[in-house]
Amino acid sequence: MNRREPDVKHINLDTQDEHVKQFVLSLQLDTEGSVLEAGGKPVARVVPVNENSGCDPERLKQAILNRRDESRALNEEWEHADREVWHRE
């Protein structure tokens, strides 16, 4: 199965002003990327290019399990709060 790259606009940094090029290249790019803000509001997210277009199945599984556990804990908190509010005797 071929993976199709999403339709995104490609901007050649080599044709941009040197200050712009240096700014973009200086951004800290971890796996989550960087969020650019203007006026205190996010305007863009810059994420690194994933060269191998794959993911580590173990890291993905762990992330899913962590998210599931966080969601369950939050649901329990909400259910507890709901019982306190609506089921008072």
PDB file of N, CA and C in Angstrom:
ATOM      1  N   MET A   1       0.838  -1.168   0.000  1.00  0.00           N
ATOM      2  CA  MET A   1       0.000   0.000   0.000  1.00  0.00           C
ATOM      3  C   MET A   1       0.891   1.242   0.000  1.00  0.00           C
ATOM      4  N   ASN A   2       0.671   2.123  -0.920  1.00  0.00           N
ATOM      5  CA  ASN A   2       1.446   3.365  -0.992  1.00  0.00           C
ATOM      6  C   ASN A   2       0.818   4.407  -0.090  1.00  0.00           C
ATOM      7  N   ARG A   3       1.667   5.080   0.670  1.00  0.00           N
ATOM      8  CA  ARG A   3       1.189   6.179   1.500  1.00  0.00           C
ATOM      9  C   ARG A   3       1.284   7.455   0.692  1.00  0.00           C
ATOM     10  N   ARG A   4       0.206   8.179   0.636  1.00  0.00           N
ATOM     11  CA  ARG A   4       0.161   9.421  -0.108  1.00  0.00           C
ATOM     12  C   ARG A   4       0.467  10.572   0.841  1.00  0.00           C
ATOM     13  N   GLU A   5       1.382  11.428   0.438  1.00  0.00           N
ATOM     14  CA  GLU A   5       1.703  12.607   1.245  1.00  0.00           C
ATOM     15  C   GLU A   5       0.524  13.567   1.193  1.00  0.00           C
ATOM     16  N   PRO A   6       0.151  14.152   2.349  1.00  0.00           N
ATOM     17  CA  PRO A   6      -0.958  15.106   2.346  1.00  0.00           C
ATOM     18  C   PRO A   6      -0.657  16.281   1.417  1.00  0.00           C
ATOM     19  N   ASP A   7      -1.722  16.868   0.894  1.00  0.00           N
ATOM     20  CA  ASP A   7      -1.559  18.035   0.032  1.00  0.00           C
ATOM     21  C   ASP A   7      -1.197  19.237   0.898  1.00  0.00           C
ATOM     22  N   VAL A   8       0.062  19.592   0.888  1.00  0.00           N
ATOM     23  CA  VAL A   8       0.540  20.740   1.651  1.00  0.00           C
ATOM     24  C   VAL A   8       1.307  21.658   0.718  1.00  0.00           C
ATOM     25  N   LYS A   9       1.364  22.911   1.090  1.00  0.00           N
ATOM     26  CA  LYS A   9       2.106  23.873   0.283  1.00  0.00           C
ATOM     27  C   LYS A   9       3.583  23.775   0.624  1.00  0.00           C
ATOM     28  N   HIS A  10       4.412  23.608  -0.381  1.00  0.00           N
ATOM     29  CA  HIS A  10       5.861  23.560  -0.192  1.00  0.00           C
ATOM     30  C   HIS A  10       6.430  24.953  -0.450  1.00  0.00           C
ATOM     31  N   ILE A  11       7.231  25.433   0.488  1.00  0.00           N
ATOM     32  CA  ILE A  11       7.852  26.752   0.365  1.00  0.00           C
ATOM     33  C   ILE A  11       9.357  26.555   0.389  1.00  0.00           C
ATOM     34  N   ASN A  12      10.022  26.974  -0.662  1.00  0.00           N
ATOM     35  CA  ASN A  12      11.467  26.816  -0.778  1.00  0.00           C
ATOM     36  C   ASN A  12      12.161  27.899   0.042  1.00  0.00           C
ATOM     37  N   LEU A  13      12.801  27.502   1.133  1.00  0.00           N
ATOM     38  CA  LEU A  13      13.496  28.479   1.979  1.00  0.00           C
ATOM     39  C   LEU A  13      14.661  29.138   1.261  1.00  0.00           C
ATOM     40  N   ASP A  14      15.215  28.467   0.264  1.00  0.00           N
ATOM     41  CA  ASP A  14      16.346  29.043  -0.466  1.00  0.00           C
ATOM     42  C   ASP A  14      15.958  30.306  -1.226  1.00  0.00           C
ATOM     43  N   THR A  15      14.663  30.490  -1.475  1.00  0.00           N
ATOM     44  CA  THR A  15      14.216  31.681  -2.210  1.00  0.00           C
ATOM     45  C   THR A  15      13.728  32.785  -1.271  1.00  0.00           C
ATOM     46  N   GLN A  16      13.800  32.540   0.039  1.00  0.00           N
ATOM     47  CA  GLN A  16      13.328  33.515   1.020  1.00  0.00           C
ATOM     48  C   GLN A  16      14.474  34.402   1.500  1.00  0.00           C
ATOM     49  N   ASP A  17      14.103  35.516   2.125  1.00  0.00           N
ATOM     50  CA  ASP A  17      15.076  36.412   2.736  1.00  0.00           C
ATOM     51  C   ASP A  17      15.937  35.619   3.731  1.00  0.00           C
ATOM     52  N   GLU A  18      17.208  35.949   3.820  1.00  0.00           N
ATOM     53  CA  GLU A  18      18.133  35.211   4.684  1.00  0.00           C
ATOM     54  C   GLU A  18      17.681  35.212   6.145  1.00  0.00           C
ATOM     55  N   HIS A  19      17.096  36.325   6.618  1.00  0.00           N
ATOM     56  CA  HIS A  19      16.617  36.382   8.004  1.00  0.00           C
ATOM     57  C   HIS A  19      15.485  35.383   8.236  1.00  0.00           C
ATOM     58  N   VAL A  20      14.592  35.280   7.277  1.00  0.00           N
ATOM     59  CA  VAL A  20      13.484  34.322   7.373  1.00  0.00           C
ATOM     60  C   VAL A  20      14.037  32.906   7.392  1.00  0.00           C
ATOM     61  N   LYS A  21      14.950  32.635   6.496  1.00  0.00           N
ATOM     62  CA  LYS A  21      15.551  31.300   6.408  1.00  0.00           C
ATOM     63  C   LYS A  21      16.219  30.929   7.731  1.00  0.00           C
ATOM     64  N   GLN A  22      17.010  31.835   8.300  1.00  0.00           N
ATOM     65  CA  GLN A  22      17.703  31.556   9.551  1.00  0.00           C
ATOM     66  C   GLN A  22      16.718  31.358  10.706  1.00  0.00           C
ATOM     67  N   PHE A  23      15.647  32.150  10.717  1.00  0.00           N
ATOM     68  CA  PHE A  23      14.639  31.999  11.764  1.00  0.00           C
ATOM     69  C   PHE A  23      14.002  30.614  11.698  1.00  0.00           C
ATOM     70  N   VAL A  24      13.572  30.220  10.537  1.00  0.00           N
ATOM     71  CA  VAL A  24      12.916  28.917  10.386  1.00  0.00           C
ATOM     72  C   VAL A  24      13.871  27.795  10.767  1.00  0.00           C
ATOM     73  N   LEU A  25      15.096  27.882  10.319  1.00  0.00           N
ATOM     74  CA  LEU A  25      16.066  26.828  10.617  1.00  0.00           C
ATOM     75  C   LEU A  25      16.463  26.795  12.095  1.00  0.00           C
ATOM     76  N   SER A  26      16.217  27.892  12.818  1.00  0.00           N
ATOM     77  CA  SER A  26      16.587  27.939  14.234  1.00  0.00           C
ATOM     78  C   SER A  26      15.500  27.391  15.157  1.00  0.00           C
ATOM     79  N   LEU A  27      14.327  27.102  14.622  1.00  0.00           N
ATOM     80  CA  LEU A  27      13.227  26.615  15.460  1.00  0.00           C
ATOM     81  C   LEU A  27      13.563  25.272  16.084  1.00  0.00           C
ATOM     82  N   GLN A  28      13.179  25.116  17.346  1.00  0.00           N
ATOM     83  CA  GLN A  28      13.356  23.835  18.030  1.00  0.00           C
ATOM     84  C   GLN A  28      12.275  22.889  17.527  1.00  0.00           C
ATOM     85  N   LEU A  29      12.693  21.815  16.900  1.00  0.00           N
ATOM     86  CA  LEU A  29      11.718  20.873  16.370  1.00  0.00           C
ATOM     87  C   LEU A  29      11.890  19.509  17.024  1.00  0.00           C
ATOM     88  N   ASP A  30      11.123  19.283  18.081  1.00  0.00           N
ATOM     89  CA  ASP A  30      11.081  17.936  18.621  1.00  0.00           C
ATOM     90  C   ASP A  30       9.909  17.231  17.943  1.00  0.00           C
ATOM     91  N   THR A  31       9.521  16.090  18.421  1.00  0.00           N
ATOM     92  CA  THR A  31       8.456  15.351  17.740  1.00  0.00           C
ATOM     93  C   THR A  31       7.125  16.083  17.759  1.00  0.00           C
ATOM     94  N   GLU A  32       6.913  16.959  18.730  1.00  0.00           N
ATOM     95  CA  GLU A  32       5.664  17.710  18.810  1.00  0.00           C
ATOM     96  C   GLU A  32       5.686  18.974  17.958  1.00  0.00           C
ATOM     97  N   GLY A  33       6.875  19.428  17.568  1.00  0.00           N
ATOM     98  CA  GLY A  33       6.991  20.626  16.754  1.00  0.00           C
ATOM     99  C   GLY A  33       7.026  21.896  17.586  1.00  0.00           C
ATOM    100  N   SER A  34       6.854  23.029  16.920  1.00  0.00           N
ATOM    101  CA  SER A  34       6.838  24.341  17.561  1.00  0.00           C
ATOM    102  C   SER A  34       5.582  25.078  17.126  1.00  0.00           C
ATOM    103  N   VAL A  35       5.018  25.857  18.037  1.00  0.00           N
ATOM    104  CA  VAL A  35       3.847  26.669  17.717  1.00  0.00           C
ATOM    105  C   VAL A  35       4.300  28.116  17.621  1.00  0.00           C
ATOM    106  N   LEU A  36       4.002  28.758  16.501  1.00  0.00           N
ATOM    107  CA  LEU A  36       4.323  30.173  16.314  1.00  0.00           C
ATOM    108  C   LEU A  36       3.113  30.996  16.745  1.00  0.00           C
ATOM    109  N   GLU A  37       3.367  32.053  17.511  1.00  0.00           N
ATOM    110  CA  GLU A  37       2.290  32.887  18.012  1.00  0.00           C
ATOM    111  C   GLU A  37       2.483  34.330  17.574  1.00  0.00           C
ATOM    112  N   ALA A  38       1.371  35.020  17.414  1.00  0.00           N
ATOM    113  CA  ALA A  38       1.376  36.456  17.125  1.00  0.00           C
ATOM    114  C   ALA A  38       0.246  37.071  17.940  1.00  0.00           C
ATOM    115  N   GLY A  39       0.547  38.124  18.655  1.00  0.00           N
ATOM    116  CA  GLY A  39      -0.464  38.752  19.490  1.00  0.00           C
ATOM    117  C   GLY A  39      -0.987  37.824  20.569  1.00  0.00           C
ATOM    118  N   GLY A  40      -0.145  36.891  21.016  1.00  0.00           N
ATOM    119  CA  GLY A  40      -0.549  35.964  22.061  1.00  0.00           C
ATOM    120  C   GLY A  40      -1.415  34.814  21.594  1.00  0.00           C
ATOM    121  N   LYS A  41      -1.607  34.697  20.282  1.00  0.00           N
ATOM    122  CA  LYS A  41      -2.455  33.623  19.750  1.00  0.00           C
ATOM    123  C   LYS A  41      -1.652  32.752  18.797  1.00  0.00           C
ATOM    124  N   PRO A  42      -1.887  31.440  18.840  1.00  0.00           N
ATOM    125  CA  PRO A  42      -1.177  30.557  17.916  1.00  0.00           C
ATOM    126  C   PRO A  42      -1.623  30.798  16.478  1.00  0.00           C
ATOM    127  N   VAL A  43      -0.655  30.856  15.572  1.00  0.00           N
ATOM    128  CA  VAL A  43      -0.978  31.070  14.160  1.00  0.00           C
ATOM    129  C   VAL A  43      -0.487  29.944  13.265  1.00  0.00           C
ATOM    130  N   ALA A  44       0.494  29.181  13.738  1.00  0.00           N
ATOM    131  CA  ALA A  44       1.014  28.088  12.904  1.00  0.00           C
ATOM    132  C   ALA A  44       1.757  27.089  13.772  1.00  0.00           C
ATOM    133  N   ARG A  45       1.762  25.858  13.314  1.00  0.00           N
ATOM    134  CA  ARG A  45       2.568  24.814  13.962  1.00  0.00           C
ATOM    135  C   ARG A  45       3.576  24.330  12.940  1.00  0.00           C
ATOM    136  N   VAL A  46       4.828  24.249  13.368  1.00  0.00           N
ATOM    137  CA  VAL A  46       5.902  23.759  12.510  1.00  0.00           C
ATOM    138  C   VAL A  46       6.340  22.419  13.090  1.00  0.00           C
ATOM    139  N   VAL A  47       6.213  21.374  12.291  1.00  0.00           N
ATOM    140  CA  VAL A  47       6.594  20.036  12.750  1.00  0.00           C
ATOM    141  C   VAL A  47       7.688  19.490  11.851  1.00  0.00           C
ATOM    142  N   PRO A  48       8.555  18.663  12.407  1.00  0.00           N
ATOM    143  CA  PRO A  48       9.632  18.113  11.583  1.00  0.00           C
ATOM    144  C   PRO A  48       9.088  17.134  10.549  1.00  0.00           C
ATOM    145  N   VAL A  49       9.806  17.017   9.454  1.00  0.00           N
ATOM    146  CA  VAL A  49       9.445  16.059   8.416  1.00  0.00           C
ATOM    147  C   VAL A  49       9.853  14.678   8.898  1.00  0.00           C
ATOM    148  N   ASN A  50       8.954  13.742   8.776  1.00  0.00           N
ATOM    149  CA  ASN A  50       9.237  12.366   9.166  1.00  0.00           C
ATOM    150  C   ASN A  50       9.805  11.655   7.952  1.00  0.00           C
ATOM    151  N   GLU A  51      11.099  11.468   7.944  1.00  0.00           N
ATOM    152  CA  GLU A  51      11.783  10.905   6.777  1.00  0.00           C
ATOM    153  C   GLU A  51      11.334   9.497   6.417  1.00  0.00           C
ATOM    154  N   ASN A  52      11.034   8.674   7.424  1.00  0.00           N
ATOM    155  CA  ASN A  52      10.692   7.293   7.096  1.00  0.00           C
ATOM    156  C   ASN A  52       9.190   7.047   7.081  1.00  0.00           C
ATOM    157  N   SER A  53       8.383   8.091   7.269  1.00  0.00           N
ATOM    158  CA  SER A  53       6.925   8.029   7.170  1.00  0.00           C
ATOM    159  C   SER A  53       6.300   6.916   8.001  1.00  0.00           C
ATOM    160  N   GLY A  54       7.026   6.383   8.918  1.00  0.00           N
ATOM    161  CA  GLY A  54       6.476   5.342   9.765  1.00  0.00           C
ATOM    162  C   GLY A  54       6.493   5.784  11.204  1.00  0.00           C
ATOM    163  N   CYS A  55       6.084   4.906  12.058  1.00  0.00           N
ATOM    164  CA  CYS A  55       6.154   5.215  13.475  1.00  0.00           C
ATOM    165  C   CYS A  55       6.610   3.970  14.205  1.00  0.00           C
ATOM    166  N   ASP A  56       7.125   4.187  15.371  1.00  0.00           N
ATOM    167  CA  ASP A  56       7.552   3.086  16.213  1.00  0.00           C
ATOM    168  C   ASP A  56       6.298   2.479  16.835  1.00  0.00           C
ATOM    169  N   PRO A  57       5.954   1.255  16.469  1.00  0.00           N
ATOM    170  CA  PRO A  57       4.717   0.651  16.970  1.00  0.00           C
ATOM    171  C   PRO A  57       4.645   0.603  18.500  1.00  0.00           C
ATOM    172  N   GLU A  58       5.769   0.376  19.155  1.00  0.00           N
ATOM    173  CA  GLU A  58       5.766   0.322  20.617  1.00  0.00           C
ATOM    174  C   GLU A  58       5.477   1.689  21.227  1.00  0.00           C
ATOM    175  N   ARG A  59       6.082   2.738  20.654  1.00  0.00           N
ATOM    176  CA  ARG A  59       5.818   4.096  21.163  1.00  0.00           C
ATOM    177  C   ARG A  59       4.370   4.486  20.927  1.00  0.00           C
ATOM    178  N   LEU A  60       3.842   4.117  19.756  1.00  0.00           N
ATOM    179  CA  LEU A  60       2.449   4.421  19.451  1.00  0.00           C
ATOM    180  C   LEU A  60       1.527   3.687  20.417  1.00  0.00           C
ATOM    181  N   LYS A  61       1.784   2.415  20.635  1.00  0.00           N
ATOM    182  CA  LYS A  61       0.961   1.626  21.555  1.00  0.00           C
ATOM    183  C   LYS A  61       0.997   2.238  22.951  1.00  0.00           C
ATOM    184  N   GLN A  62       2.187   2.606  23.422  1.00  0.00           N
ATOM    185  CA  GLN A  62       2.309   3.186  24.754  1.00  0.00           C
ATOM    186  C   GLN A  62       1.575   4.518  24.841  1.00  0.00           C
ATOM    187  N   ALA A  63       1.666   5.325  23.798  1.00  0.00           N
ATOM    188  CA  ALA A  63       0.964   6.613  23.792  1.00  0.00           C
ATOM    189  C   ALA A  63      -0.547   6.399  23.852  1.00  0.00           C
ATOM    190  N   ILE A  64      -1.038   5.414  23.115  1.00  0.00           N
ATOM    191  CA  ILE A  64      -2.474   5.114  23.119  1.00  0.00           C
ATOM    192  C   ILE A  64      -2.903   4.633  24.505  1.00  0.00           C
ATOM    193  N   LEU A  65      -2.119   3.749  25.098  1.00  0.00           N
ATOM    194  CA  LEU A  65      -2.452   3.239  26.431  1.00  0.00           C
ATOM    195  C   LEU A  65      -2.421   4.351  27.478  1.00  0.00           C
ATOM    196  N   ASN A  66      -1.428   5.236  27.389  1.00  0.00           N
ATOM    197  CA  ASN A  66      -1.352   6.363  28.325  1.00  0.00           C
ATOM    198  C   ASN A  66      -2.567   7.264  28.186  1.00  0.00           C
ATOM    199  N   ARG A  67      -2.943   7.546  26.930  1.00  0.00           N
ATOM    200  CA  ARG A  67      -4.105   8.409  26.684  1.00  0.00           C
ATOM    201  C   ARG A  67      -5.374   7.750  27.203  1.00  0.00           C
ATOM    202  N   ARG A  68      -5.489   6.439  27.020  1.00  0.00           N
ATOM    203  CA  ARG A  68      -6.656   5.710  27.514  1.00  0.00           C
ATOM    204  C   ARG A  68      -6.745   5.822  29.033  1.00  0.00           C
ATOM    205  N   ASP A  69      -5.597   5.629  29.707  1.00  0.00           N
ATOM    206  CA  ASP A  69      -5.583   5.708  31.165  1.00  0.00           C
ATOM    207  C   ASP A  69      -5.944   7.110  31.654  1.00  0.00           C
ATOM    208  N   GLU A  70      -5.431   8.136  30.979  1.00  0.00           N
ATOM    209  CA  GLU A  70      -5.768   9.514  31.340  1.00  0.00           C
ATOM    210  C   GLU A  70      -7.261   9.760  31.168  1.00  0.00           C
ATOM    211  N   SER A  71      -7.810   9.239  30.079  1.00  0.00           N
ATOM    212  CA  SER A  71      -9.230   9.413  29.801  1.00  0.00           C
ATOM    213  C   SER A  71     -10.082   8.710  30.853  1.00  0.00           C
ATOM    214  N   ARG A  72      -9.690   7.506  31.231  1.00  0.00           N
ATOM    215  CA  ARG A  72     -10.435   6.772  32.261  1.00  0.00           C
ATOM    216  C   ARG A  72     -10.399   7.513  33.591  1.00  0.00           C
ATOM    217  N   ALA A  73      -9.238   8.033  33.957  1.00  0.00           N
ATOM    218  CA  ALA A  73      -9.118   8.771  35.217  1.00  0.00           C
ATOM    219  C   ALA A  73     -10.001  10.015  35.198  1.00  0.00           C
ATOM    220  N   LEU A  74     -10.015  10.717  34.079  1.00  0.00           N
ATOM    221  CA  LEU A  74     -10.853  11.905  33.962  1.00  0.00           C
ATOM    222  C   LEU A  74     -12.329  11.535  34.046  1.00  0.00           C
ATOM    223  N   ASN A  75     -12.717  10.443  33.391  1.00  0.00           N
ATOM    224  CA  ASN A  75     -14.108   9.995  33.459  1.00  0.00           C
ATOM    225  C   ASN A  75     -14.509   9.667  34.890  1.00  0.00           C
ATOM    226  N   GLU A  76     -13.623   9.021  35.632  1.00  0.00           N
ATOM    227  CA  GLU A  76     -13.912   8.692  37.031  1.00  0.00           C
ATOM    228  C   GLU A  76     -14.103   9.962  37.854  1.00  0.00           C
ATOM    229  N   GLU A  77     -13.274  10.976  37.604  1.00  0.00           N
ATOM    230  CA  GLU A  77     -13.417  12.247  38.322  1.00  0.00           C
ATOM    231  C   GLU A  77     -14.771  12.882  38.025  1.00  0.00           C
ATOM    232  N   TRP A  78     -15.165  12.865  36.749  1.00  0.00           N
ATOM    233  CA  TRP A  78     -16.443  13.456  36.359  1.00  0.00           C
ATOM    234  C   TRP A  78     -17.611  12.682  36.968  1.00  0.00           C
ATOM    235  N   GLU A  79     -17.531  11.362  36.954  1.00  0.00           N
ATOM    236  CA  GLU A  79     -18.607  10.555  37.529  1.00  0.00           C
ATOM    237  C   GLU A  79     -18.730  10.815  39.026  1.00  0.00           C
ATOM    238  N   HIS A  80     -17.598  10.930  39.711  1.00  0.00           N
ATOM    239  CA  HIS A  80     -17.609  11.219  41.144  1.00  0.00           C
ATOM    240  C   HIS A  80     -18.254  12.586  41.400  1.00  0.00           C
ATOM    241  N   ALA A  81     -17.851  13.590  40.637  1.00  0.00           N
ATOM    242  CA  ALA A  81     -18.417  14.934  40.793  1.00  0.00           C
ATOM    243  C   ALA A  81     -19.908  14.926  40.480  1.00  0.00           C
ATOM    244  N   ASP A  82     -20.307  14.175  39.465  1.00  0.00           N
ATOM    245  CA  ASP A  82     -21.717  14.079  39.085  1.00  0.00           C
ATOM    246  C   ASP A  82     -22.532  13.466  40.221  1.00  0.00           C
ATOM    247  N   ARG A  83     -22.013  12.412  40.830  1.00  0.00           N
ATOM    248  CA  ARG A  83     -22.721  11.771  41.944  1.00  0.00           C
ATOM    249  C   ARG A  83     -22.868  12.741  43.116  1.00  0.00           C
ATOM    250  N   GLU A  84     -21.819  13.514  43.384  1.00  0.00           N
ATOM    251  CA  GLU A  84     -21.885  14.473  44.491  1.00  0.00           C
ATOM    252  C   GLU A  84     -22.949  15.537  44.249  1.00  0.00           C
ATOM    253  N   VAL A  85     -23.084  15.980  43.019  1.00  0.00           N
ATOM    254  CA  VAL A  85     -24.024  17.054  42.708  1.00  0.00           C
ATOM    255  C   VAL A  85     -25.457  16.542  42.599  1.00  0.00           C
ATOM    256  N   TRP A  86     -25.671  15.448  41.904  1.00  0.00           N
ATOM    257  CA  TRP A  86     -27.023  15.019  41.568  1.00  0.00           C
ATOM    258  C   TRP A  86     -27.603  13.945  42.483  1.00  0.00           C
ATOM    259  N   HIS A  87     -26.781  13.273  43.220  1.00  0.00           N
ATOM    260  CA  HIS A  87     -27.302  12.163  44.014  1.00  0.00           C
ATOM    261  C   HIS A  87     -27.138  12.400  45.513  1.00  0.00           C
ATOM    262  N   ARG A  88     -27.239  13.648  45.919  1.00  0.00           N
ATOM    263  CA  ARG A  88     -27.161  13.960  47.349  1.00  0.00           C
ATOM    264  C   ARG A  88     -28.420  13.447  48.032  1.00  0.00           C
ATOM    265  N   GLU A  89     -28.235  13.000  49.230  1.00  0.00           N
ATOM    266  CA  GLU A  89     -29.412  12.527  49.978  1.00  0.00           C
ATOM    267  C   GLU A  89     -29.637  13.370  51.190  1.00  0.00           C
TER     268      GLU A  89
END
